[in-house]
PDB file of N, CA and C in Angstrom:
ATOM      1  N   MET A   1     123.327  77.032  90.825  1.00  0.00           N
ATOM      2  CA  MET A   1     122.910  77.368  89.483  1.00  0.00           C
ATOM      3  C   MET A   1     122.195  78.709  89.523  1.00  0.00           C
ATOM      4  N   VAL A   2     122.682  79.624  88.713  1.00  0.00           N
ATOM      5  CA  VAL A   2     122.186  80.977  88.773  1.00  0.00           C
ATOM      6  C   VAL A   2     121.375  81.358  87.537  1.00  0.00           C
ATOM      7  N   GLY A   3     121.936  81.202  86.350  1.00  0.00           N
ATOM      8  CA  GLY A   3     121.309  81.677  85.113  1.00  0.00           C
ATOM      9  C   GLY A   3     120.120  80.837  84.673  1.00  0.00           C
ATOM     10  N   ARG A   4     119.500  81.289  83.614  1.00  0.00           N
ATOM     11  CA  ARG A   4     118.355  80.567  83.060  1.00  0.00           C
ATOM     12  C   ARG A   4     118.846  79.384  82.221  1.00  0.00           C
ATOM     13  N   GLU A   5     117.981  78.413  82.023  1.00  0.00           N
ATOM     14  CA  GLU A   5     118.358  77.272  81.188  1.00  0.00           C
ATOM     15  C   GLU A   5     118.465  77.717  79.734  1.00  0.00           C
ATOM     16  N   VAL A   6     119.434  77.142  79.040  1.00  0.00           N
ATOM     17  CA  VAL A   6     119.695  77.476  77.647  1.00  0.00           C
ATOM     18  C   VAL A   6     119.563  76.202  76.825  1.00  0.00           C
ATOM     19  N   ALA A   7     119.099  76.335  75.600  1.00  0.00           N
ATOM     20  CA  ALA A   7     119.021  75.183  74.695  1.00  0.00           C
ATOM     21  C   ALA A   7     120.393  74.947  74.072  1.00  0.00           C
ATOM     22  N   ALA A   8     120.763  73.687  73.949  1.00  0.00           N
ATOM     23  CA  ALA A   8     122.053  73.342  73.346  1.00  0.00           C
ATOM     24  C   ALA A   8     122.122  73.840  71.904  1.00  0.00           C
ATOM     25  N   ALA A   9     120.977  73.902  71.240  1.00  0.00           N
ATOM     26  CA  ALA A   9     120.932  74.336  69.844  1.00  0.00           C
ATOM     27  C   ALA A   9     121.280  75.813  69.684  1.00  0.00           C
ATOM     28  N   ASP A  10     121.348  76.559  70.769  1.00  0.00           N
ATOM     29  CA  ASP A  10     121.662  77.984  70.705  1.00  0.00           C
ATOM     30  C   ASP A  10     123.154  78.266  70.545  1.00  0.00           C
ATOM     31  N   HIS A  11     123.999  77.265  70.754  1.00  0.00           N
ATOM     32  CA  HIS A  11     125.442  77.508  70.668  1.00  0.00           C
ATOM     33  C   HIS A  11     125.833  77.742  69.208  1.00  0.00           C
ATOM     34  N   PRO A  12     126.685  78.742  68.951  1.00  0.00           N
ATOM     35  CA  PRO A  12     127.054  79.076  67.574  1.00  0.00           C
ATOM     36  C   PRO A  12     127.950  78.048  66.865  1.00  0.00           C
ATOM     37  N   SER A  13     128.658  77.203  67.595  1.00  0.00           N
ATOM     38  CA  SER A  13     129.571  76.231  66.983  1.00  0.00           C
ATOM     39  C   SER A  13     128.899  74.877  66.804  1.00  0.00           C
ATOM     40  N   LYS A  14     128.980  74.353  65.594  1.00  0.00           N
ATOM     41  CA  LYS A  14     128.340  73.074  65.265  1.00  0.00           C
ATOM     42  C   LYS A  14     128.899  71.926  66.113  1.00  0.00           C
ATOM     43  N   GLU A  15     130.228  71.845  66.254  1.00  0.00           N
ATOM     44  CA  GLU A  15     130.850  70.742  66.992  1.00  0.00           C
ATOM     45  C   GLU A  15     130.429  70.742  68.459  1.00  0.00           C
ATOM     46  N   ILE A  16     130.456  71.914  69.065  1.00  0.00           N
ATOM     47  CA  ILE A  16     130.078  72.031  70.474  1.00  0.00           C
ATOM     48  C   ILE A  16     128.589  71.786  70.648  1.00  0.00           C
ATOM     49  N   ARG A  17     127.795  72.281  69.715  1.00  0.00           N
ATOM     50  CA  ARG A  17     126.341  72.101  69.766  1.00  0.00           C
ATOM     51  C   ARG A  17     125.974  70.619  69.810  1.00  0.00           C
ATOM     52  N   GLU A  18     126.636  69.795  69.010  1.00  0.00           N
ATOM     53  CA  GLU A  18     126.346  68.351  68.983  1.00  0.00           C
ATOM     54  C   GLU A  18     126.657  67.688  70.325  1.00  0.00           C
ATOM     55  N   VAL A  19     127.784  68.041  70.926  1.00  0.00           N
ATOM     56  CA  VAL A  19     128.157  67.480  72.235  1.00  0.00           C
ATOM     57  C   VAL A  19     127.157  67.927  73.296  1.00  0.00           C
ATOM     58  N   LEU A  20     126.788  69.204  73.274  1.00  0.00           N
ATOM     59  CA  LEU A  20     125.839  69.725  74.258  1.00  0.00           C
ATOM     60  C   LEU A  20     124.476  69.051  74.134  1.00  0.00           C
ATOM     61  N   LYS A  21     124.032  68.812  72.909  1.00  0.00           N
ATOM     62  CA  LYS A  21     122.729  68.156  72.699  1.00  0.00           C
ATOM     63  C   LYS A  21     122.711  66.773  73.339  1.00  0.00           C
ATOM     64  N   ARG A  22     123.789  66.013  73.151  1.00  0.00           N
ATOM     65  CA  ARG A  22     123.851  64.661  73.734  1.00  0.00           C
ATOM     66  C   ARG A  22     123.879  64.706  75.257  1.00  0.00           C
ATOM     67  N   LEU A  23     124.647  65.628  75.810  1.00  0.00           N
ATOM     68  CA  LEU A  23     124.737  65.717  77.261  1.00  0.00           C
ATOM     69  C   LEU A  23     123.404  66.162  77.871  1.00  0.00           C
ATOM     70  N   VAL A  24     122.754  67.139  77.284  1.00  0.00           N
ATOM     71  CA  VAL A  24     121.460  67.604  77.789  1.00  0.00           C
ATOM     72  C   VAL A  24     120.429  66.484  77.688  1.00  0.00           C
ATOM     73  N   ALA A  25     120.474  65.708  76.617  1.00  0.00           N
ATOM     74  CA  ALA A  25     119.552  64.571  76.470  1.00  0.00           C
ATOM     75  C   ALA A  25     119.788  63.526  77.556  1.00  0.00           C
ATOM     76  N   ASP A  26     121.014  63.445  78.081  1.00  0.00           N
ATOM     77  CA  ASP A  26     121.342  62.479  79.134  1.00  0.00           C
ATOM     78  C   ASP A  26     121.180  63.048  80.539  1.00  0.00           C
ATOM     79  N   GLY A  27     120.556  64.213  80.649  1.00  0.00           N
ATOM     80  CA  GLY A  27     120.234  64.734  81.966  1.00  0.00           C
ATOM     81  C   GLY A  27     121.077  65.894  82.456  1.00  0.00           C
ATOM     82  N   TRP A  28     122.101  66.279  81.728  1.00  0.00           N
ATOM     83  CA  TRP A  28     122.911  67.420  82.131  1.00  0.00           C
ATOM     84  C   TRP A  28     122.070  68.690  81.983  1.00  0.00           C
ATOM     85  N   VAL A  29     122.355  69.691  82.811  1.00  0.00           N
ATOM     86  CA  VAL A  29     121.637  70.965  82.770  1.00  0.00           C
ATOM     87  C   VAL A  29     122.574  72.027  82.207  1.00  0.00           C
ATOM     88  N   LEU A  30     122.101  72.745  81.204  1.00  0.00           N
ATOM     89  CA  LEU A  30     122.880  73.808  80.574  1.00  0.00           C
ATOM     90  C   LEU A  30     122.243  75.146  80.939  1.00  0.00           C
ATOM     91  N   ARG A  31     123.024  75.999  81.604  1.00  0.00           N
ATOM     92  CA  ARG A  31     122.514  77.297  82.053  1.00  0.00           C
ATOM     93  C   ARG A  31     123.346  78.432  81.466  1.00  0.00           C
ATOM     94  N   SER A  32     122.707  79.571  81.299  1.00  0.00           N
ATOM     95  CA  SER A  32     123.373  80.761  80.780  1.00  0.00           C
ATOM     96  C   SER A  32     124.160  81.408  81.916  1.00  0.00           C
ATOM     97  N   GLU A  33     125.438  81.118  81.979  1.00  0.00           N
ATOM     98  CA  GLU A  33     126.334  81.656  83.001  1.00  0.00           C
ATOM     99  C   GLU A  33     127.712  81.818  82.381  1.00  0.00           C
ATOM    100  N   ALA A  34     128.573  82.533  83.049  1.00  0.00           N
ATOM    101  CA  ALA A  34     129.953  82.755  82.599  1.00  0.00           C
ATOM    102  C   ALA A  34     129.924  83.428  81.221  1.00  0.00           C
ATOM    103  N   HIS A  35     130.857  83.063  80.333  1.00  0.00           N
ATOM    104  CA  HIS A  35     130.913  83.719  79.022  1.00  0.00           C
ATOM    105  C   HIS A  35     129.729  83.336  78.142  1.00  0.00           C
ATOM    106  N   TRP A  36     129.399  82.070  78.081  1.00  0.00           N
ATOM    107  CA  TRP A  36     128.232  81.638  77.312  1.00  0.00           C
ATOM    108  C   TRP A  36     127.318  80.752  78.138  1.00  0.00           C
ATOM    109  N   GLY A  37     127.893  79.710  78.762  1.00  0.00           N
ATOM    110  CA  GLY A  37     127.060  78.806  79.535  1.00  0.00           C
ATOM    111  C   GLY A  37     127.868  77.901  80.444  1.00  0.00           C
ATOM    112  N   THR A  38     127.140  77.169  81.279  1.00  0.00           N
ATOM    113  CA  THR A  38     127.749  76.221  82.208  1.00  0.00           C
ATOM    114  C   THR A  38     126.918  74.953  82.208  1.00  0.00           C
ATOM    115  N   LEU A  39     127.596  73.808  82.141  1.00  0.00           N
ATOM    116  CA  LEU A  39     126.947  72.498  82.201  1.00  0.00           C
ATOM    117  C   LEU A  39     127.052  71.948  83.621  1.00  0.00           C
ATOM    118  N   TYR A  40     125.951  71.418  84.132  1.00  0.00           N
ATOM    119  CA  TYR A  40     125.929  70.781  85.444  1.00  0.00           C
ATOM    120  C   TYR A  40     125.556  69.319  85.252  1.00  0.00           C
ATOM    121  N   CYS A  41     126.298  68.423  85.896  1.00  0.00           N
ATOM    122  CA  CYS A  41     126.043  66.987  85.737  1.00  0.00           C
ATOM    123  C   CYS A  41     124.716  66.599  86.379  1.00  0.00           C
ATOM    124  N   PRO A  42     124.195  65.417  86.018  1.00  0.00           N
ATOM    125  CA  PRO A  42     122.893  64.986  86.523  1.00  0.00           C
ATOM    126  C   PRO A  42     122.908  64.434  87.946  1.00  0.00           C
ATOM    127  N   CYS A  43     124.068  64.352  88.599  1.00  0.00           N
ATOM    128  CA  CYS A  43     124.128  63.866  89.982  1.00  0.00           C
ATOM    129  C   CYS A  43     123.367  64.822  90.904  1.00  0.00           C
ATOM    130  N   GLU A  44     122.932  64.303  92.041  1.00  0.00           N
ATOM    131  CA  GLU A  44     122.209  65.139  92.994  1.00  0.00           C
ATOM    132  C   GLU A  44     123.063  66.295  93.502  1.00  0.00           C
ATOM    133  N   ASP A  45     124.349  66.035  93.754  1.00  0.00           N
ATOM    134  CA  ASP A  45     125.220  67.090  94.277  1.00  0.00           C
ATOM    135  C   ASP A  45     125.922  67.873  93.170  1.00  0.00           C
ATOM    136  N   GLN A  46     125.630  67.566  91.925  1.00  0.00           N
ATOM    137  CA  GLN A  46     126.214  68.227  90.753  1.00  0.00           C
ATOM    138  C   GLN A  46     127.725  68.344  90.892  1.00  0.00           C
ATOM    139  N   CYS A  47     128.358  67.188  90.968  1.00  0.00           N
ATOM    140  CA  CYS A  47     129.787  67.106  91.227  1.00  0.00           C
ATOM    141  C   CYS A  47     130.651  67.639  90.088  1.00  0.00           C
ATOM    142  N   THR A  48     130.162  67.601  88.860  1.00  0.00           N
ATOM    143  CA  THR A  48     130.948  68.045  87.722  1.00  0.00           C
ATOM    144  C   THR A  48     130.310  69.276  87.100  1.00  0.00           C
ATOM    145  N   VAL A  49     131.087  70.339  86.990  1.00  0.00           N
ATOM    146  CA  VAL A  49     130.631  71.589  86.390  1.00  0.00           C
ATOM    147  C   VAL A  49     131.588  71.921  85.257  1.00  0.00           C
ATOM    148  N   ILE A  50     131.057  72.202  84.069  1.00  0.00           N
ATOM    149  CA  ILE A  50     131.886  72.480  82.898  1.00  0.00           C
ATOM    150  C   ILE A  50     131.495  73.835  82.318  1.00  0.00           C
ATOM    151  N   ARG A  51     132.460  74.730  82.213  1.00  0.00           N
ATOM    152  CA  ARG A  51     132.225  76.029  81.579  1.00  0.00           C
ATOM    153  C   ARG A  51     132.249  75.845  80.059  1.00  0.00           C
ATOM    154  N   VAL A  52     131.327  76.499  79.366  1.00  0.00           N
ATOM    155  CA  VAL A  52     131.237  76.401  77.915  1.00  0.00           C
ATOM    156  C   VAL A  52     131.400  77.804  77.345  1.00  0.00           C
ATOM    157  N   GLY A  53     132.453  77.997  76.581  1.00  0.00           N
ATOM    158  CA  GLY A  53     132.699  79.303  75.974  1.00  0.00           C
ATOM    159  C   GLY A  53     131.845  79.498  74.729  1.00  0.00           C
ATOM    160  N   GLY A  54     131.552  80.734  74.409  1.00  0.00           N
ATOM    161  CA  GLY A  54     130.711  81.033  73.255  1.00  0.00           C
ATOM    162  C   GLY A  54     131.470  81.104  71.951  1.00  0.00           C
ATOM    163  N   THR A  55     132.720  81.574  72.000  1.00  0.00           N
ATOM    164  CA  THR A  55     133.501  81.725  70.774  1.00  0.00           C
ATOM    165  C   THR A  55     134.920  81.206  70.981  1.00  0.00           C
ATOM    166  N   PRO A  56     135.081  79.884  71.101  1.00  0.00           N
ATOM    167  CA  PRO A  56     136.431  79.344  71.286  1.00  0.00           C
ATOM    168  C   PRO A  56     137.260  79.488  70.009  1.00  0.00           C
ATOM    169  N   LYS A  57     138.586  79.578  70.169  1.00  0.00           N
ATOM    170  CA  LYS A  57     139.463  79.682  69.003  1.00  0.00           C
ATOM    171  C   LYS A  57     139.406  78.421  68.157  1.00  0.00           C
ATOM    172  N   ASN A  58     139.305  77.265  68.826  1.00  0.00           N
ATOM    173  CA  ASN A  58     139.265  75.988  68.120  1.00  0.00           C
ATOM    174  C   ASN A  58     138.044  75.205  68.607  1.00  0.00           C
ATOM    175  N   PRO A  59     136.897  75.296  67.926  1.00  0.00           N
ATOM    176  CA  PRO A  59     135.672  74.640  68.385  1.00  0.00           C
ATOM    177  C   PRO A  59     135.795  73.119  68.517  1.00  0.00           C
ATOM    178  N   GLY A  60     136.540  72.484  67.635  1.00  0.00           N
ATOM    179  CA  GLY A  60     136.712  71.037  67.714  1.00  0.00           C
ATOM    180  C   GLY A  60     137.434  70.624  68.984  1.00  0.00           C
ATOM    181  N   GLN A  61     138.472  71.366  69.321  1.00  0.00           N
ATOM    182  CA  GLN A  61     139.230  71.085  70.540  1.00  0.00           C
ATOM    183  C   GLN A  61     138.372  71.360  71.780  1.00  0.00           C
ATOM    184  N   GLU A  62     137.571  72.413  71.739  1.00  0.00           N
ATOM    185  CA  GLU A  62     136.684  72.738  72.854  1.00  0.00           C
ATOM    186  C   GLU A  62     135.631  71.641  73.043  1.00  0.00           C
ATOM    187  N   ALA A  63     135.101  71.107  71.941  1.00  0.00           N
ATOM    188  CA  ALA A  63     134.119  70.020  72.022  1.00  0.00           C
ATOM    189  C   ALA A  63     134.745  68.779  72.660  1.00  0.00           C
ATOM    190  N   ARG A  64     135.980  68.474  72.291  1.00  0.00           N
ATOM    191  CA  ARG A  64     136.681  67.330  72.896  1.00  0.00           C
ATOM    192  C   ARG A  64     136.921  67.553  74.384  1.00  0.00           C
ATOM    193  N   ARG A  65     137.245  68.791  74.767  1.00  0.00           N
ATOM    194  CA  ARG A  65     137.463  69.105  76.185  1.00  0.00           C
ATOM    195  C   ARG A  65     136.176  68.891  76.976  1.00  0.00           C
ATOM    196  N   ILE A  66     135.055  69.326  76.446  1.00  0.00           N
ATOM    197  CA  ILE A  66     133.764  69.151  77.120  1.00  0.00           C
ATOM    198  C   ILE A  66     133.452  67.666  77.263  1.00  0.00           C
ATOM    199  N   ARG A  67     133.647  66.903  76.184  1.00  0.00           N
ATOM    200  CA  ARG A  67     133.423  65.449  76.227  1.00  0.00           C
ATOM    201  C   ARG A  67     134.285  64.781  77.287  1.00  0.00           C
ATOM    202  N   ARG A  68     135.567  65.145  77.320  1.00  0.00           N
ATOM    203  CA  ARG A  68     136.514  64.549  78.259  1.00  0.00           C
ATOM    204  C   ARG A  68     136.115  64.864  79.708  1.00  0.00           C
ATOM    205  N   LYS A  69     135.759  66.115  79.984  1.00  0.00           N
ATOM    206  CA  LYS A  69     135.371  66.490  81.339  1.00  0.00           C
ATOM    207  C   LYS A  69     134.049  65.848  81.748  1.00  0.00           C
ATOM    208  N   ALA A  70     133.148  65.621  80.797  1.00  0.00           N
ATOM    209  CA  ALA A  70     131.860  65.001  81.113  1.00  0.00           C
ATOM    210  C   ALA A  70     132.049  63.573  81.623  1.00  0.00           C
ATOM    211  N   LYS A  71     133.124  62.932  81.231  1.00  0.00           N
ATOM    212  CA  LYS A  71     133.391  61.569  81.692  1.00  0.00           C
ATOM    213  C   LYS A  71     133.816  61.521  83.151  1.00  0.00           C
ATOM    214  N   TRP A  72     134.124  62.665  83.748  1.00  0.00           N
ATOM    215  CA  TRP A  72     134.539  62.711  85.153  1.00  0.00           C
ATOM    216  C   TRP A  72     133.377  62.491  86.105  1.00  0.00           C
ATOM    217  N   CYS A  73     132.167  62.650  85.648  1.00  0.00           N
ATOM    218  CA  CYS A  73     130.984  62.544  86.515  1.00  0.00           C
ATOM    219  C   CYS A  73     130.828  61.110  87.016  1.00  0.00           C
ATOM    220  N   PRO A  74     130.959  60.886  88.330  1.00  0.00           N
ATOM    221  CA  PRO A  74     130.852  59.525  88.873  1.00  0.00           C
ATOM    222  C   PRO A  74     129.402  59.163  89.215  1.00  0.00           C
ATOM    223  N   LEU A  75     128.625  58.799  88.213  1.00  0.00           N
ATOM    224  CA  LEU A  75     127.240  58.406  88.468  1.00  0.00           C
ATOM    225  C   LEU A  75     127.200  57.133  89.298  1.00  0.00           C
ATOM    226  N   PRO A  76     126.167  56.952  90.105  1.00  0.00           N
ATOM    227  CA  PRO A  76     126.032  55.724  90.885  1.00  0.00           C
ATOM    228  C   PRO A  76     125.994  54.501  89.964  1.00  0.00           C
ATOM    229  N   PRO A  77     126.511  53.361  90.416  1.00  0.00           N
ATOM    230  CA  PRO A  77     126.566  52.171  89.569  1.00  0.00           C
ATOM    231  C   PRO A  77     125.204  51.690  89.082  1.00  0.00           C
ATOM    232  N   ASP A  78     124.136  51.936  89.840  1.00  0.00           N
ATOM    233  CA  ASP A  78     122.821  51.459  89.424  1.00  0.00           C
ATOM    234  C   ASP A  78     122.134  52.408  88.439  1.00  0.00           C
ATOM    235  N   ASP A  79     122.734  53.544  88.150  1.00  0.00           N
ATOM    236  CA  ASP A  79     122.172  54.486  87.190  1.00  0.00           C
ATOM    237  C   ASP A  79     122.471  53.982  85.779  1.00  0.00           C
ATOM    238  N   PRO A  80     121.474  53.886  84.900  1.00  0.00           N
ATOM    239  CA  PRO A  80     121.727  53.368  83.546  1.00  0.00           C
ATOM    240  C   PRO A  80     122.689  54.240  82.744  1.00  0.00           C
ATOM    241  N   ARG A  81     122.818  55.512  83.104  1.00  0.00           N
ATOM    242  CA  ARG A  81     123.754  56.385  82.397  1.00  0.00           C
ATOM    243  C   ARG A  81     125.193  56.149  82.819  1.00  0.00           C
ATOM    244  N   ALA A  82     125.423  55.401  83.889  1.00  0.00           N
ATOM    245  CA  ALA A  82     126.789  55.154  84.380  1.00  0.00           C
ATOM    246  C   ALA A  82     127.617  54.421  83.339  1.00  0.00           C
ATOM    247  N   ALA A  83     126.974  53.555  82.568  1.00  0.00           N
ATOM    248  CA  ALA A  83     127.694  52.815  81.533  1.00  0.00           C
ATOM    249  C   ALA A  83     128.211  53.756  80.450  1.00  0.00           C
ATOM    250  N   LEU A  84     127.510  54.852  80.251  1.00  0.00           N
ATOM    251  CA  LEU A  84     127.914  55.807  79.223  1.00  0.00           C
ATOM    252  C   LEU A  84     128.939  56.802  79.741  1.00  0.00           C
ATOM    253  N   ARG A  85     129.044  56.962  81.068  1.00  0.00           N
ATOM    254  CA  ARG A  85     129.969  57.893  81.706  1.00  0.00           C
ATOM    255  C   ARG A  85     129.816  59.297  81.123  1.00  0.00           C
ATOM    256  N   GLY A  86     128.606  59.794  81.144  1.00  0.00           N
ATOM    257  CA  GLY A  86     128.343  61.135  80.648  1.00  0.00           C
ATOM    258  C   GLY A  86     127.588  61.147  79.342  1.00  0.00           C
ATOM    259  N   GLY A  87     127.387  59.984  78.740  1.00  0.00           N
ATOM    260  CA  GLY A  87     126.608  59.892  77.513  1.00  0.00           C
ATOM    261  C   GLY A  87     127.211  60.689  76.367  1.00  0.00           C
ATOM    262  N   VAL A  88     128.510  60.634  76.221  1.00  0.00           N
ATOM    263  CA  VAL A  88     129.185  61.474  75.270  1.00  0.00           C
ATOM    264  C   VAL A  88     129.367  60.752  73.941  1.00  0.00           C
ATOM    265  N   VAL A  89     129.659  61.523  72.912  1.00  0.00           N
ATOM    266  CA  VAL A  89     129.881  61.001  71.566  1.00  0.00           C
ATOM    267  C   VAL A  89     131.010  59.983  71.590  1.00  0.00           C
ATOM    268  N   LYS A  90     130.845  58.877  70.904  1.00  0.00           N
ATOM    269  CA  LYS A  90     131.870  57.829  70.868  1.00  0.00           C
ATOM    270  C   LYS A  90     132.933  58.133  69.870  1.00  0.00           C
TER     271      LYS A  90
END
């Protein structure tokens, strides 16, 4: 992790902002890297990394992509967030 932490509320797209807020609340780290930011999963080894663009052509589709990739994080079974598989919007 290189950049500074960024608030999910700073993203210009409403759809992406909502997904980022939920993930950050569930322990994901959002840093200012790449074009706009990068999400790191809450695992110790940060197994899942998701790039977040600042101005996607289709914000709704980008929000769904972030949600889908967040489910890849294999949290330990005893972690209460494991049931949520990334704590993403239902």
